[in-house]
Amino acid sequence: MRQLTLDVQLDRQASFNNFAGQNNHELLVRLKALASPGSFEALYLFGPSGSGRTHLLEATCALARQHGRECRMADSSQVGRDLPLPTQGLLAVDDIDQLNADAQIALFRAFNSMRLSGCALLLAGSKPPRDLALREDLRTRVGSALIYEVRPLSDSEKADALAEHAHSRGMRVSEDIIGYLMRHGRRDLPSLLAVLDALDRISLEQQRPITLPLLRQIMQLPLEADDLS
């Protein structure tokens, strides 16, 4: 029997157009400006896991490349003793609250070199600067950057985003299905969207209509294929 697994990776490129948190209007304006050539600021955004931090970093890098600006992006596990700055470009570092000692020194040096390199910095973490467990000189540097909190979506906004995503895929999804997913799924939007994508995929594979019983079975994954018959 073939075992079905839930793929939690979203099959779409991050952009500002597919970022659901449009109530973060000022932050989005700032990020779009940061992606433009000639912007050399440092910006730090924070929010809990699933709030869209990584999506925003990826979207900003994508826009910077569209403008012909080099962008390098790394998460905390990819930062070592050196953190090269792209000249006249953009450096994005995710999860800075998880940087090890060597990586913290490298990021501190990046702050000191960014003006000379004509480079902008875009950083993200889970907490405001004052609560970051970083060496004090780096924490002070982060605190001197432009600081934005990623505002979370309300439940109604999440439901609207799910309905819009389903519509974009040509899925016929009832309010009951959206409501059940909201009540029993994980709270972050990327995970909820991934369940919808899995529901669509398995519905097509099994040639079954999208129903609440099918959603319940999918949310109990891993499932045996026979369980979906």
Protein backbone atom coordinates (compact mmCIF):
# COMPACT_ATOMS: atom_id res chain seq x y z
CA MET A 1 0.00 0.00 0.00
CA ARG A 2 1.22 3.51 -0.83
CA GLN A 3 1.48 5.86 2.10
CA LEU A 4 0.29 9.43 1.60
CA THR A 5 2.21 12.20 3.29
CA LEU A 6 1.31 15.84 3.81
CA ASP A 7 3.68 18.12 1.95
CA VAL A 8 3.91 21.32 3.99
CA GLN A 9 6.00 23.17 1.42
CA LEU A 10 4.01 25.69 -0.58
CA ASP A 11 4.42 25.44 -4.34
CA ARG A 12 4.72 29.11 -5.14
CA GLN A 13 7.37 31.80 -5.22
CA ALA A 14 7.18 34.38 -2.46
CA SER A 15 6.14 37.83 -3.60
CA PHE A 16 4.38 40.84 -2.16
CA ASN A 17 1.33 40.02 -4.25
CA ASN A 18 0.79 36.65 -2.56
CA PHE A 19 1.56 37.87 0.95
CA ALA A 20 -1.72 37.74 2.86
CA GLY A 21 -0.85 40.23 5.60
CA GLN A 22 -1.80 43.36 3.70
CA ASN A 23 -2.57 45.07 7.03
CA ASN A 24 1.22 45.53 7.26
CA HIS A 25 0.98 48.33 4.72
CA GLU A 26 3.76 50.57 6.08
CA LEU A 27 6.16 47.62 6.40
CA LEU A 28 5.47 46.52 2.82
CA VAL A 29 6.14 50.03 1.53
CA ARG A 30 9.45 50.10 3.42
CA LEU A 31 10.51 46.68 2.11
CA LYS A 32 9.75 47.61 -1.48
CA ALA A 33 11.85 50.75 -1.03
CA LEU A 34 14.66 48.69 0.52
CA ALA A 35 14.74 46.49 -2.59
CA SER A 36 15.32 49.50 -4.84
CA PRO A 37 18.83 50.50 -5.96
CA GLY A 38 20.11 53.40 -3.92
CA SER A 39 18.63 52.22 -0.61
CA PHE A 40 21.28 51.56 2.02
CA GLU A 41 19.26 51.26 5.22
CA ALA A 42 19.10 48.48 7.81
CA LEU A 43 15.66 47.09 8.63
CA TYR A 44 14.68 44.52 11.25
CA LEU A 45 11.29 42.84 11.30
CA PHE A 46 10.02 40.45 13.94
CA GLY A 47 7.07 38.22 14.60
CA PRO A 48 6.22 34.69 15.78
CA SER A 49 6.80 31.57 13.69
CA GLY A 50 4.35 31.44 10.80
CA SER A 51 3.78 35.21 10.73
CA GLY A 52 5.36 35.54 7.27
CA ARG A 53 8.83 36.79 8.15
CA THR A 54 10.64 34.46 5.75
CA HIS A 55 8.08 35.14 3.01
CA LEU A 56 8.77 38.87 3.30
CA LEU A 57 12.54 38.40 3.14
CA GLU A 58 12.20 36.21 0.05
CA ALA A 59 9.76 38.64 -1.57
CA THR A 60 12.11 41.58 -0.95
CA CYS A 61 15.05 39.67 -2.44
CA ALA A 62 12.96 38.71 -5.47
CA LEU A 63 11.98 42.34 -6.05
CA ALA A 64 15.60 43.49 -5.60
CA ARG A 65 16.73 41.06 -8.31
CA GLN A 66 13.98 42.34 -10.60
CA HIS A 67 15.53 45.79 -10.13
CA GLY A 68 18.92 44.36 -11.11
CA ARG A 69 20.21 44.50 -7.56
CA GLU A 70 22.16 41.56 -6.15
CA CYS A 71 20.59 40.01 -3.07
CA ARG A 72 22.04 37.36 -0.79
CA MET A 73 19.79 35.63 1.72
CA ALA A 74 20.76 33.26 4.52
CA ASP A 75 19.16 31.85 7.63
CA SER A 76 21.01 31.54 10.94
CA SER A 77 22.36 28.05 10.18
CA GLN A 78 24.06 29.30 7.00
CA VAL A 79 25.98 32.16 8.61
CA GLY A 80 29.55 31.42 9.67
CA ARG A 81 32.61 33.51 10.48
CA ASP A 82 32.26 35.52 7.28
CA LEU A 83 29.18 37.28 5.93
CA PRO A 84 30.11 38.81 2.55
CA LEU A 85 28.20 41.92 1.57
CA PRO A 86 27.03 42.29 -2.04
CA THR A 87 28.34 45.63 -3.25
CA GLN A 88 25.45 48.02 -3.88
CA GLY A 89 23.18 45.07 -3.05
CA LEU A 90 20.99 43.67 -0.31
CA LEU A 91 21.88 41.18 2.43
CA ALA A 92 18.97 39.40 4.14
CA VAL A 93 19.46 37.26 7.25
CA ASP A 94 16.62 35.27 8.80
CA ASP A 95 16.27 34.05 12.41
CA ILE A 96 19.06 36.23 13.76
CA ASP A 97 18.03 35.30 17.31
CA GLN A 98 19.50 31.85 16.58
CA LEU A 99 22.94 33.00 15.40
CA ASN A 100 25.89 31.34 17.11
CA ALA A 101 28.79 33.33 18.56
CA ASP A 102 30.87 33.44 15.34
CA ALA A 103 27.84 34.36 13.24
CA GLN A 104 26.97 37.21 15.60
CA ILE A 105 30.45 38.66 15.13
CA ALA A 106 30.06 38.34 11.36
CA LEU A 107 26.74 40.18 11.42
CA PHE A 108 28.20 42.92 13.65
CA ARG A 109 30.98 43.41 11.08
CA ALA A 110 28.38 43.56 8.33
CA PHE A 111 26.67 46.43 10.15
CA ASN A 112 30.00 48.26 10.32
CA SER A 113 30.77 47.67 6.63
CA MET A 114 27.38 48.21 5.01
CA ARG A 115 27.79 51.91 4.30
CA LEU A 116 31.22 51.41 2.70
CA SER A 117 29.85 48.60 0.53
CA GLY A 118 26.69 50.50 -0.38
CA CYS A 119 24.71 47.54 0.93
CA ALA A 120 21.31 47.41 2.61
CA LEU A 121 20.54 44.97 5.45
CA LEU A 122 17.26 43.16 6.01
CA LEU A 123 17.08 41.11 9.22
CA ALA A 124 14.35 39.04 10.83
CA GLY A 125 13.79 37.37 14.18
CA SER A 126 11.08 36.24 16.53
CA LYS A 127 11.40 38.98 19.16
CA PRO A 128 11.88 42.76 19.42
CA PRO A 129 15.54 43.85 19.68
CA ARG A 130 15.47 44.38 23.45
CA ASP A 131 14.55 40.71 23.97
CA LEU A 132 17.09 39.18 21.59
CA ALA A 133 19.66 36.88 23.20
CA LEU A 134 22.57 38.43 21.29
CA ARG A 135 25.86 40.01 22.28
CA GLU A 136 25.18 43.53 23.48
CA ASP A 137 26.99 45.40 20.70
CA LEU A 138 25.05 43.50 18.03
CA ARG A 139 21.76 43.88 19.86
CA THR A 140 22.40 47.64 19.98
CA ARG A 141 23.08 47.70 16.24
CA VAL A 142 19.85 45.83 15.54
CA GLY A 143 18.01 48.25 17.81
CA SER A 144 19.29 51.19 15.75
CA ALA A 145 17.76 49.80 12.54
CA LEU A 146 14.27 50.51 11.27
CA ILE A 147 12.09 48.15 13.33
CA TYR A 148 8.74 46.66 12.35
CA GLU A 149 6.54 44.02 13.89
CA VAL A 150 4.77 41.75 11.41
CA ARG A 151 1.13 42.10 12.35
CA PRO A 152 -0.61 38.71 12.52
CA LEU A 153 -3.75 37.98 10.57
CA SER A 154 -7.07 37.76 12.36
CA ASP A 155 -9.05 34.53 12.01
CA SER A 156 -11.43 36.17 9.54
CA GLU A 157 -8.47 37.37 7.44
CA LYS A 158 -7.00 33.86 7.45
CA ALA A 159 -10.33 32.43 6.34
CA ASP A 160 -10.50 34.99 3.52
CA ALA A 161 -6.94 34.11 2.46
CA LEU A 162 -7.79 30.41 2.42
CA ALA A 163 -10.92 31.02 0.34
CA GLU A 164 -9.00 33.20 -2.12
CA HIS A 165 -6.23 30.58 -2.40
CA ALA A 166 -8.77 27.84 -3.06
CA HIS A 167 -10.45 29.99 -5.72
CA SER A 168 -7.10 30.63 -7.43
CA ARG A 169 -6.58 26.86 -7.73
CA GLY A 170 -10.08 26.29 -9.09
CA MET A 171 -11.15 24.43 -5.94
CA ARG A 172 -14.77 24.34 -4.83
CA VAL A 173 -14.41 24.68 -1.08
CA SER A 174 -17.38 25.20 1.24
CA GLU A 175 -17.42 27.40 4.33
CA ASP A 176 -17.66 24.20 6.40
CA ILE A 177 -14.30 23.03 5.08
CA ILE A 178 -12.64 26.39 5.76
CA GLY A 179 -14.16 26.48 9.25
CA TYR A 180 -13.03 22.94 10.09
CA LEU A 181 -9.52 23.67 8.86
CA MET A 182 -9.38 26.84 10.95
CA ARG A 183 -10.56 25.02 14.08
CA HIS A 184 -8.39 21.92 13.80
CA GLY A 185 -5.39 22.97 11.72
CA ARG A 186 -2.20 24.67 12.80
CA ARG A 187 -2.60 28.38 13.43
CA ASP A 188 -0.08 29.73 10.93
CA LEU A 189 -1.27 30.53 7.41
CA PRO A 190 1.49 28.68 5.49
CA SER A 191 0.50 25.39 7.17
CA LEU A 192 -3.20 26.01 6.51
CA LEU A 193 -2.50 26.75 2.85
CA ALA A 194 -0.39 23.60 2.60
CA VAL A 195 -3.33 21.50 3.83
CA LEU A 196 -5.54 23.06 1.16
CA ASP A 197 -2.93 22.23 -1.48
CA ALA A 198 -2.77 18.63 -0.21
CA LEU A 199 -6.56 18.43 -0.25
CA ASP A 200 -6.60 19.54 -3.89
CA ARG A 201 -3.81 17.15 -4.88
CA ILE A 202 -5.27 14.09 -3.18
CA SER A 203 -8.75 14.88 -4.46
CA LEU A 204 -7.38 14.83 -8.01
CA GLU A 205 -5.26 11.73 -7.43
CA GLN A 206 -8.16 9.79 -5.94
CA GLN A 207 -10.76 11.35 -8.27
CA ARG A 208 -12.87 12.22 -5.24
CA PRO A 209 -14.82 15.42 -4.60
CA ILE A 210 -13.53 17.84 -2.00
CA THR A 211 -15.57 17.03 1.09
CA LEU A 212 -15.31 17.42 4.84
CA PRO A 213 -14.72 13.65 5.38
CA LEU A 214 -11.79 13.77 2.93
CA LEU A 215 -10.32 16.78 4.75
CA ARG A 216 -10.63 14.97 8.10
CA GLN A 217 -8.76 11.99 6.69
CA ILE A 218 -6.02 14.17 5.21
CA MET A 219 -5.51 15.93 8.53
CA GLN A 220 -4.86 12.54 10.14
CA LEU A 221 -1.90 11.87 7.84
CA PRO A 222 0.13 9.76 7.33
CA LEU A 223 -2.67 7.65 5.89
CA GLU A 224 -2.71 4.40 3.99
CA ALA A 225 -4.13 4.81 0.48
CA ASP A 226 -6.78 2.21 1.31
CA ASP A 227 -8.05 4.50 4.07
CA LEU A 228 -9.03 7.05 1.44
CA SER A 229 -11.02 4.64 -0.68
